[in-house]
Every structure is written in C-alpha cells, then in structure tokens.
Amino acid sequence: MTLPYPIRFAMALAASLVAAAAAFAQSGAGAPVSDGVVKIGLLLDMSGPYADQNGPGSAAAAHMAVEDFGGKVLGAPIELLVADHHDSADQAADIARRWFGDEHVDAILDVAGSSEAVIVQAIGRNRDKIVSLSAARATRLTNQACSPTGIVYNFDTYAIAHTLGPALTRRGADTWFFITVDYSFGYDLEGDMTAVIAANGGKVIGHARYPLAAADLSSYLLQARQSGAKAIGIANAGADLVSTLKQAATLGMLPPGPQLIAPLSLQFGGVADLGLEATQGLMVADPFYWDLNDETRAWSKRFYARVSKMPNSSRAALYSSVTHYLKAVAAAGTDATDPVMAKMREMPIDDFFAHNGRIRVDGVMVHDMHLFQVKTPAESHGAWDFYKRIETIPGDQAFRPLSESKCPLVKQE
C-alpha cells in the first residue's frame, strides 16, 4: 500500500534528520570534549639553565596529576604534550601557535621563563586558550600583560619581594646592590624589591645587569662587594642563580660575611646543589616545602619515588594546577575555554599545595607564602632537611592588591 504523500514526506524528513544527527555526532562537533581528547601542553626548559627548576621534574609532576585523575575526564582520554623551547621566546611562540592551531591543544599549563611566558600567554589570549604558569614569575604577567585566559598559579616577583623584603630590611639591610639577569623576570624582581626596600626606609645604591646563562659573574660580584652595600640582591634563577652563588662562595662571600647575600628566587633545588655549608642562613620565599606538614610529605615522597629528588614549589604547583584544570573541565561538562576558565575561578583550591587558594580576575592565584631560612649543617637531621619556617605571610598581604593593579581586566570588572 502506498502511503499518502504527507506521511511519506514526514518520514523521509525524520530519516534525514536522524542521519544528519549521527553524522554530526560522528564528527565530534558539539560533543562535550572537542576532538574526543583533552590535550594539555607543557613548554619547559628540558636541558638549559632552568631544567633543574622545571624541566623533566615538572613533566613527571604533570604525569602524576593525570594518572591520579584516572587518565580520563568526561569519558575522554587526557593527553599530555611536552616540548623544550630551548629558552627561546621565538621557539616557544612557534610551538604554542602550532599546538593551539594544528594540534588542537586545549590548554598550556606551564611555560618555563618569563619572557617566553609573556608571549605564550598573549597567544593564548588571541586564540582563546588557557595558559596557566607555575614556573614563570614576572609580575607583569598578571599586571600590565594580564589575560582573561591567563593564570600565575605559583607565585610572582611581587610576592617574593613582599615576603623577603620586609624581613631583610628589618635585619638591617638598608642599602642594596643588585645583580640582575637581563630580561623580564630580572627587571620585575629588581623593581618589586626596590619598591619594598624604599617603603621600608632603605635605598638601592647600584645595580649590574648580565645576559642569561653568562658563565663568569665574578666581575659583577666584585662590583657589588666594592659598592659597600649592606645587601647584595641576586635577581636571577635556575642554573644562573646556582652559578652566581658558587662564584660568591669562591670569592669568600658565602656563607654571608659583612654583606648579606640575598638570592631572591632561591629554590629548594639550588640549596640541594650548593649544600648547607654554603647556603646556611640564607632566606627563602616560597609557598611550598616538602616537609611542611603531613600532606606535603605524603605527596613529596610519591614524587621522590619517581625522580629521586624532593620537589620544589614549581613541581608541586604544576601538579595542583593540572588537577584543578581537570576538575574544572569535569564541572563545566566541556573543555571549551570560557566555561572551564569560569569554573577555575569559581572553584577554591584546597590541596597539599595551597589551602583556600583562589584565582582572581587578573589571573593571580592568591595563597599564603612562607619565609624560610636555610638550616645550618648542625640543625639538619638528614637528607633533604633544609628549611626552617620563620613566618607565614597571608595571601592578601603577599600578592599585589587589586587596588594597585594595572591589569585592564580589573577596571572592566
């Protein structure tokens, strides 16, 4: 029996709509997870001056986070891409553009080096992609160069200055000479410390700038010693900082003598490389120490089992940020940038790395900072027992208040 035309038309239309819906679903369009996979990128220094600060150890921490999350989110596999930008802003930019464009990376969750991070964050902004940073620390990343899709998850130069600066000036360091690496991180660290020194009644009487990865810094150290400044601020990081302190020890300037040596971004790995004999008494600003409490110890021992080193704050922060990102994807029900970013800001961070942490509109993840002092060999009770906590600075005091921010997003809000 031939059905009436209106019925046949309706049936044909329904069949075509079903076929179209099946093709739409097969293509992945409109699915909760784009391309059927959540892709996370890490742009690290795997072999250069910051390799010990982030590098392979940071990749290991991110892999731990993905594994602990179960390897999937919203039923889709989580893929982690790691690349070495060789401390080149141009290479970092090229990789970021390729990842976001051709390889459909959903978010870059760390970039080594502040100059590289500034460019990658700007590319993320233009491509509407999340860029979260645990290794880069230039304060401009959340100030003049802030991004609606950018996050500084660990700490920045402002937090370093406002943790170390008041404590050191209280100890009589009222005249300063800076040895500063010649790029954005160094400039911001020196600038933020200079403001704190002036606010506490001190002054800077000189500075010397040097190119990244310079082998011989002895002339700069001698210039600082001859300046007569009570404190010598070392505004660099990674292998450069370790090299500076080794050369200071060779010149008889460590352990500190008449002049206070202030390695402003000294991290746990640097103390391990140099040893307590050389670093005893130095002050450290950091939000994380492996032996801070039961939670930090438990996670750090798992990390140690993988890499045979205790973690620094960059590795701990990266694990936390990857986990927070994946939780936000799950809560948003999609890996689309805007809803995920909204969930990352909405959801508090409460884990072994940070308690009551929150991501502000300018991209700062606000959390407590700690002032540590490196132990003497006699005070240490074994391997990796390096720090004693002197003071905890609440996040709203350690990080730049929004009232002082130059981030355009703050004014918009």
Protein backbone atom coordinates (compact mmCIF):
# COMPACT_ATOMS: atom_id res chain seq x y z
CA MET A 1 0.00 0.00 0.00
CA THR A 2 1.34 3.41 -0.93
CA LEU A 3 1.26 5.86 1.95
CA PRO A 4 -0.13 9.36 1.41
CA TYR A 5 2.47 11.88 0.30
CA PRO A 6 2.36 13.99 3.52
CA ILE A 7 3.19 10.91 5.58
CA ARG A 8 5.94 9.80 3.20
CA PHE A 9 7.43 13.31 3.29
CA ALA A 10 7.37 13.42 7.08
CA MET A 11 9.06 10.01 7.32
CA ALA A 12 11.77 10.99 4.82
CA LEU A 13 12.43 14.24 6.70
CA ALA A 14 12.72 12.39 10.02
CA ALA A 15 15.15 9.88 8.49
CA SER A 16 17.32 12.65 7.07
CA LEU A 17 17.41 14.43 10.43
CA VAL A 18 18.46 11.22 12.19
CA ALA A 19 21.22 10.68 9.62
CA ALA A 20 22.40 14.26 9.97
CA ALA A 21 22.48 13.95 13.76
CA ALA A 22 24.51 10.73 13.50
CA ALA A 23 27.00 12.38 11.15
CA PHE A 24 27.22 15.41 13.48
CA ALA A 25 27.96 13.19 16.46
CA GLN A 26 30.49 11.13 14.44
CA SER A 27 32.38 14.28 13.51
CA GLY A 28 32.72 15.27 17.17
CA ALA A 29 31.04 18.64 16.60
CA GLY A 30 29.03 19.74 19.58
CA ALA A 31 30.49 16.97 21.78
CA PRO A 32 31.43 17.88 25.40
CA VAL A 33 35.12 17.28 24.61
CA SER A 34 36.44 18.74 21.37
CA ASP A 35 38.17 16.19 19.11
CA GLY A 36 37.38 13.48 21.66
CA VAL A 37 40.51 14.16 23.74
CA VAL A 38 41.61 16.73 26.32
CA LYS A 39 45.10 17.92 25.33
CA ILE A 40 47.39 19.67 27.80
CA GLY A 41 50.72 21.20 26.75
CA LEU A 42 53.84 21.99 28.78
CA LEU A 43 56.54 24.28 27.34
CA LEU A 44 59.57 23.58 29.51
CA ASP A 45 63.32 24.05 29.63
CA MET A 46 64.40 20.41 29.47
CA SER A 47 68.16 20.92 29.20
CA GLY A 48 69.05 24.59 29.78
CA PRO A 49 69.52 26.89 32.79
CA TYR A 50 66.02 26.22 34.19
CA ALA A 51 65.93 22.46 33.62
CA ASP A 52 66.50 21.69 37.29
CA GLN A 53 63.83 24.19 38.32
CA ASN A 54 61.14 22.79 35.99
CA GLY A 55 62.18 20.53 33.11
CA PRO A 56 61.81 16.74 33.43
CA GLY A 57 60.70 17.01 37.06
CA SER A 58 57.76 19.21 36.10
CA ALA A 59 56.78 16.79 33.33
CA ALA A 60 56.81 14.00 35.94
CA ALA A 61 54.56 16.01 38.28
CA ALA A 62 52.05 16.66 35.48
CA HIS A 63 52.00 12.97 34.55
CA MET A 64 51.30 12.16 38.20
CA ALA A 65 48.32 14.52 38.18
CA VAL A 66 46.86 12.99 35.01
CA GLU A 67 47.31 9.46 36.36
CA ASP A 68 45.81 10.34 39.74
CA PHE A 69 42.80 11.82 37.93
CA GLY A 70 42.28 8.48 36.23
CA GLY A 71 43.62 9.37 32.77
CA LYS A 72 40.19 10.49 31.55
CA VAL A 73 37.78 13.38 32.03
CA LEU A 74 34.16 13.43 30.80
CA GLY A 75 34.89 9.97 29.37
CA ALA A 76 37.65 11.33 27.10
CA PRO A 77 41.35 10.47 27.37
CA ILE A 78 43.77 13.11 28.69
CA GLU A 79 46.86 13.63 26.53
CA LEU A 80 49.96 15.44 27.82
CA LEU A 81 52.35 17.07 25.33
CA VAL A 82 55.81 18.22 26.47
CA ALA A 83 58.19 20.37 24.42
CA ASP A 84 61.54 22.04 25.04
CA HIS A 85 61.61 25.66 23.87
CA HIS A 86 65.39 25.92 24.48
CA ASP A 87 64.93 29.23 26.29
CA SER A 88 63.87 30.92 23.07
CA ALA A 89 60.78 33.14 23.05
CA ASP A 90 60.51 32.65 19.28
CA GLN A 91 60.54 28.85 19.60
CA ALA A 92 58.03 29.00 22.45
CA ALA A 93 55.71 31.14 20.31
CA ASP A 94 56.03 28.83 17.29
CA ILE A 95 55.22 25.74 19.37
CA ALA A 96 52.26 27.44 21.07
CA ARG A 97 50.77 28.54 17.73
CA ARG A 98 51.17 25.05 16.28
CA TRP A 99 49.71 23.39 19.37
CA PHE A 100 46.69 25.68 19.52
CA GLY A 101 46.15 25.72 15.76
CA ASP A 102 47.13 22.39 14.19
CA GLU A 103 47.22 20.04 17.18
CA HIS A 104 44.12 21.31 19.00
CA VAL A 105 45.75 21.65 22.41
CA ASP A 106 43.12 22.83 24.89
CA ALA A 107 45.44 24.49 27.43
CA ILE A 108 49.12 25.11 28.09
CA LEU A 109 49.62 24.59 31.81
CA ASP A 110 53.23 25.68 32.21
CA VAL A 111 55.88 27.72 30.42
CA ALA A 112 59.46 28.00 31.64
CA GLY A 113 60.90 31.51 31.59
CA SER A 114 59.04 34.79 31.96
CA SER A 115 59.90 36.21 28.53
CA GLU A 116 58.61 33.02 26.90
CA ALA A 117 55.55 33.03 29.17
CA VAL A 118 54.59 36.61 28.25
CA ILE A 119 54.48 35.71 24.55
CA VAL A 120 52.71 32.37 25.02
CA GLN A 121 50.12 33.98 27.30
CA ALA A 122 49.44 36.62 24.63
CA ILE A 123 48.99 33.89 22.01
CA GLY A 124 46.61 32.08 24.36
CA ARG A 125 44.61 35.26 24.73
CA ASN A 126 44.37 35.73 20.97
CA ARG A 127 43.37 32.08 20.43
CA ASP A 128 41.00 31.99 23.44
CA LYS A 129 43.06 29.27 25.14
CA ILE A 130 44.01 28.86 28.80
CA VAL A 131 47.66 29.40 29.79
CA SER A 132 48.49 28.64 33.43
CA LEU A 133 52.01 29.22 34.75
CA SER A 134 53.81 27.56 37.64
CA ALA A 135 57.42 28.30 36.65
CA ALA A 136 57.28 31.86 35.23
CA ARG A 137 57.19 34.63 37.83
CA ALA A 138 57.35 38.09 36.22
CA THR A 139 54.70 40.25 37.87
CA ARG A 140 53.79 41.83 34.52
CA LEU A 141 52.06 38.55 33.58
CA THR A 142 49.15 39.47 35.86
CA ASN A 143 49.70 43.22 35.79
CA GLN A 144 50.20 45.15 32.55
CA ALA A 145 50.21 41.98 30.39
CA CYS A 146 47.31 40.20 32.13
CA SER A 147 44.98 38.00 30.11
CA PRO A 148 41.39 36.78 30.63
CA THR A 149 42.70 33.26 29.93
CA GLY A 150 46.00 33.60 31.85
CA ILE A 151 46.88 32.39 35.36
CA VAL A 152 50.02 32.69 37.50
CA TYR A 153 49.42 29.71 39.74
CA ASN A 154 52.57 29.57 41.88
CA PHE A 155 53.97 32.98 42.91
CA ASP A 156 55.40 36.08 41.29
CA THR A 157 58.11 38.65 41.85
CA TYR A 158 55.75 40.87 43.85
CA ALA A 159 55.14 38.02 46.31
CA ILE A 160 58.87 37.32 46.56
CA ALA A 161 59.56 40.97 47.34
CA HIS A 162 56.77 41.26 49.89
CA THR A 163 57.85 38.07 51.65
CA LEU A 164 61.62 38.67 51.72
CA GLY A 165 61.93 42.45 51.57
CA PRO A 166 60.41 43.47 54.92
CA ALA A 167 62.21 40.66 56.77
CA LEU A 168 65.62 41.55 55.33
CA THR A 169 65.29 45.29 55.89
CA ARG A 170 64.25 44.58 59.50
CA ARG A 171 67.56 42.77 59.83
CA GLY A 172 69.47 45.94 58.90
CA ALA A 173 69.74 45.54 55.11
CA ASP A 174 69.01 49.19 54.30
CA THR A 175 71.44 49.66 51.36
CA TRP A 176 71.36 47.34 48.35
CA PHE A 177 73.25 46.46 45.18
CA PHE A 178 71.51 44.25 42.59
CA ILE A 179 72.98 41.69 40.19
CA THR A 180 70.14 41.18 37.71
CA VAL A 181 69.61 38.89 34.72
CA ASP A 182 68.84 41.00 31.66
CA TYR A 183 65.26 40.01 30.80
CA SER A 184 61.70 40.48 32.06
CA PHE A 185 61.90 38.28 35.17
CA GLY A 186 65.05 40.04 36.39
CA TYR A 187 63.64 43.51 35.74
CA ASP A 188 60.40 42.76 37.57
CA LEU A 189 62.14 41.14 40.53
CA GLU A 190 64.56 44.03 40.97
CA GLY A 191 61.76 46.57 40.51
CA ASP A 192 59.42 44.93 43.02
CA MET A 193 62.22 44.56 45.59
CA THR A 194 63.31 48.17 45.07
CA ALA A 195 59.78 49.37 45.89
CA VAL A 196 59.70 47.30 49.10
CA ILE A 197 63.17 48.47 50.13
CA ALA A 198 62.18 52.12 49.66
CA ALA A 199 58.91 51.60 51.56
CA ASN A 200 60.92 50.24 54.49
CA GLY A 201 63.38 53.12 54.59
CA GLY A 202 66.20 51.59 52.53
CA LYS A 203 67.75 52.53 49.20
CA VAL A 204 69.42 50.92 46.19
CA ILE A 205 72.90 52.29 45.54
CA GLY A 206 73.69 50.39 42.35
CA HIS A 207 73.00 47.50 40.05
CA ALA A 208 74.62 45.43 37.29
CA ARG A 209 72.80 43.53 34.56
CA TYR A 210 74.16 40.50 32.73
CA PRO A 211 72.92 38.27 29.85
CA LEU A 212 71.15 34.99 30.62
CA ALA A 213 73.48 32.00 31.05
CA ALA A 214 76.65 34.12 31.33
CA ALA A 215 79.46 31.84 32.53
CA ASP A 216 81.55 34.30 34.56
CA LEU A 217 79.77 36.55 37.05
CA SER A 218 82.78 37.25 39.26
CA SER A 219 83.21 40.82 37.98
CA TYR A 220 79.60 41.63 38.93
CA LEU A 221 80.09 40.12 42.39
CA LEU A 222 83.27 42.12 42.92
CA GLN A 223 81.47 45.27 41.80
CA ALA A 224 78.73 44.54 44.36
CA ARG A 225 81.27 43.93 47.10
CA GLN A 226 83.12 47.15 46.33
CA SER A 227 79.86 49.12 46.40
CA GLY A 228 79.75 48.82 50.19
CA ALA A 229 76.05 47.93 50.12
CA LYS A 230 74.87 46.03 53.18
CA ALA A 231 72.91 43.60 50.99
CA ILE A 232 73.54 42.13 47.56
CA GLY A 233 70.32 41.17 45.81
CA ILE A 234 70.71 38.35 43.27
CA ALA A 235 67.83 38.74 40.79
CA ASN A 236 68.10 35.61 38.68
CA ALA A 237 67.03 31.96 38.88
CA GLY A 238 67.82 28.37 37.97
CA ALA A 239 71.35 27.43 36.93
CA ASP A 240 72.31 31.13 36.76
CA LEU A 241 71.49 31.55 40.44
CA VAL A 242 73.40 28.42 41.43
CA SER A 243 76.39 29.58 39.37
CA THR A 244 76.28 33.04 40.98
CA LEU A 245 76.27 31.57 44.48
CA LYS A 246 79.08 29.12 43.68
CA GLN A 247 81.21 32.00 42.45
CA ALA A 248 80.29 34.05 45.54
CA ALA A 249 81.49 31.16 47.71
CA THR A 250 84.77 31.01 45.77
CA LEU A 251 85.23 34.74 46.43
CA GLY A 252 84.66 34.21 50.16
CA MET A 253 81.25 35.91 50.17
CA LEU A 254 79.38 32.76 51.33
CA PRO A 255 78.42 31.92 53.97
CA PRO A 256 77.42 35.60 54.30
CA GLY A 257 80.05 37.85 55.82
CA PRO A 258 79.81 41.62 56.31
CA GLN A 259 77.44 41.82 53.32
CA LEU A 260 74.16 39.96 53.27
CA ILE A 261 73.77 37.82 50.16
CA ALA A 262 70.10 37.71 49.12
CA PRO A 263 69.39 35.20 46.32
CA LEU A 264 65.83 36.41 45.82
CA SER A 265 64.46 33.42 43.91
CA LEU A 266 66.48 30.67 45.59
CA GLN A 267 64.63 27.37 45.36
CA PHE A 268 64.95 24.03 47.03
CA GLY A 269 66.97 22.52 44.19
CA GLY A 270 69.55 25.28 44.45
CA VAL A 271 70.11 24.52 48.12
CA ALA A 272 70.48 20.82 47.25
CA ASP A 273 73.09 21.63 44.58
CA LEU A 274 75.11 24.01 46.74
CA GLY A 275 74.84 22.26 50.11
CA LEU A 276 74.06 23.63 53.55
CA GLU A 277 77.65 24.67 54.21
CA ALA A 278 77.41 27.36 51.53
CA THR A 279 73.73 28.31 51.86
CA GLN A 280 73.20 28.21 55.65
CA GLY A 281 71.36 31.26 56.94
CA LEU A 282 70.02 32.36 53.55
CA MET A 283 66.36 33.43 53.45
CA VAL A 284 63.88 31.87 51.02
CA ALA A 285 60.39 33.00 49.92
CA ASP A 286 58.21 30.07 48.85
CA PRO A 287 54.64 28.81 49.19
CA PHE A 288 55.74 25.17 49.44
CA TYR A 289 58.27 22.98 51.25
CA TRP A 290 58.15 19.21 51.09
CA ASP A 291 58.44 18.82 54.89
CA LEU A 292 55.89 21.49 55.81
CA ASN A 293 53.12 19.14 57.01
CA ASP A 294 51.70 15.63 56.59
CA GLU A 295 50.05 16.48 53.25
CA THR A 296 53.22 17.90 51.68
CA ARG A 297 55.28 14.99 52.96
CA ALA A 298 52.89 12.36 51.59
CA TRP A 299 52.82 13.83 48.06
CA SER A 300 56.55 14.63 48.03
CA LYS A 301 57.50 11.06 48.93
CA ARG A 302 55.46 9.84 45.95
CA PHE A 303 57.24 12.36 43.73
CA TYR A 304 60.62 11.30 45.13
CA ALA A 305 59.87 7.66 44.25
CA ARG A 306 59.67 8.77 40.57
CA VAL A 307 62.59 11.16 40.19
CA SER A 308 64.84 10.52 43.22
CA LYS A 309 64.60 14.17 44.26
CA MET A 310 62.32 16.04 46.58
CA PRO A 311 60.10 18.53 44.72
CA ASN A 312 60.27 22.30 44.61
CA SER A 313 57.21 24.57 44.50
CA SER A 314 57.16 24.64 40.68
CA ARG A 315 56.54 20.89 40.54
CA ALA A 316 54.00 20.94 43.39
CA ALA A 317 52.14 23.89 41.84
CA LEU A 318 52.03 22.23 38.43
CA TYR A 319 50.51 19.05 39.87
CA SER A 320 47.91 21.19 41.63
CA SER A 321 47.14 23.29 38.55
CA VAL A 322 46.71 20.28 36.25
CA THR A 323 44.35 18.73 38.80
CA HIS A 324 42.43 22.00 39.20
CA TYR A 325 42.10 22.36 35.42
CA LEU A 326 40.77 18.81 35.03
CA LYS A 327 38.30 19.31 37.90
CA ALA A 328 37.09 22.47 36.15
CA VAL A 329 36.62 20.58 32.86
CA ALA A 330 34.57 17.95 34.71
CA ALA A 331 32.50 20.59 36.50
CA ALA A 332 31.90 22.60 33.31
CA GLY A 333 30.92 19.49 31.35
CA THR A 334 33.11 20.62 28.45
CA ASP A 335 36.69 21.53 27.58
CA ALA A 336 35.59 24.82 25.98
CA THR A 337 37.74 27.67 27.30
CA ASP A 338 35.17 30.13 28.68
CA PRO A 339 33.17 27.75 30.88
CA VAL A 340 36.32 25.99 32.09
CA MET A 341 38.00 29.30 32.96
CA ALA A 342 34.86 30.38 34.82
CA LYS A 343 34.93 27.17 36.86
CA MET A 344 38.65 27.57 37.61
CA ARG A 345 37.92 31.00 39.09
CA GLU A 346 34.79 29.84 40.87
CA MET A 347 36.23 26.71 42.49
CA PRO A 348 38.56 27.17 45.51
CA ILE A 349 41.94 25.42 45.56
CA ASP A 350 42.39 23.34 48.68
CA ASP A 351 45.11 20.70 48.49
CA PHE A 352 48.64 19.97 49.70
CA PHE A 353 49.99 22.93 47.71
CA ALA A 354 47.54 25.65 48.73
CA HIS A 355 44.66 25.99 51.15
CA ASN A 356 41.84 28.43 50.41
CA GLY A 357 43.51 29.45 47.16
CA ARG A 358 41.53 31.44 44.62
CA ILE A 359 42.13 32.73 41.11
CA ARG A 360 41.38 36.43 40.76
CA VAL A 361 40.21 38.32 37.70
CA ASP A 362 43.81 39.42 36.99
CA GLY A 363 44.97 35.78 36.91
CA VAL A 364 46.76 35.75 40.28
CA MET A 365 46.18 32.57 42.28
CA VAL A 366 46.21 34.02 45.79
CA HIS A 367 47.56 31.79 48.58
CA ASP A 368 49.83 32.00 51.59
CA MET A 369 53.59 32.50 51.25
CA HIS A 370 56.22 31.34 53.72
CA LEU A 371 59.53 32.86 54.77
CA PHE A 372 62.08 30.10 55.32
CA GLN A 373 65.67 30.15 56.49
CA VAL A 374 68.19 27.58 55.32
CA LYS A 375 69.38 25.44 58.22
CA THR A 376 72.95 25.10 59.35
CA PRO A 377 74.53 21.65 58.87
CA ALA A 378 74.19 21.11 62.64
CA GLU A 379 70.44 21.87 62.54
CA SER A 380 69.73 19.46 59.68
CA HIS A 381 68.53 16.00 60.67
CA GLY A 382 69.23 14.23 57.40
CA ALA A 383 69.00 14.31 53.61
CA TRP A 384 66.68 17.00 52.20
CA ASP A 385 66.14 18.59 55.64
CA PHE A 386 66.99 22.12 54.53
CA TYR A 387 64.47 24.70 55.80
CA LYS A 388 63.02 26.07 58.98
CA ARG A 389 59.91 28.21 58.69
CA ILE A 390 60.28 31.73 60.09
CA GLU A 391 56.96 33.31 59.16
CA THR A 392 53.80 32.79 57.11
CA ILE A 393 52.51 35.75 55.10
CA PRO A 394 48.78 35.58 54.26
CA GLY A 395 47.98 35.67 50.55
CA ASP A 396 46.19 39.01 50.71
CA GLN A 397 49.40 40.56 52.05
CA ALA A 398 51.90 38.67 49.89
CA PHE A 399 50.27 39.33 46.49
CA ARG A 400 49.57 42.65 44.83
CA PRO A 401 46.19 44.08 45.94
CA LEU A 402 43.75 44.70 43.12
CA SER A 403 43.63 48.36 44.14
CA GLU A 404 47.24 48.68 42.89
CA SER A 405 46.80 46.57 39.76
CA LYS A 406 47.46 47.88 36.27
CA CYS A 407 45.60 44.94 34.74
CA PRO A 408 42.85 46.29 32.41
CA LEU A 409 40.58 43.40 33.42
CA VAL A 410 40.37 44.76 36.96
CA LYS A 411 38.97 48.07 35.72
CA GLN A 412 36.48 46.24 33.46
CA GLU A 413 35.19 44.25 36.41
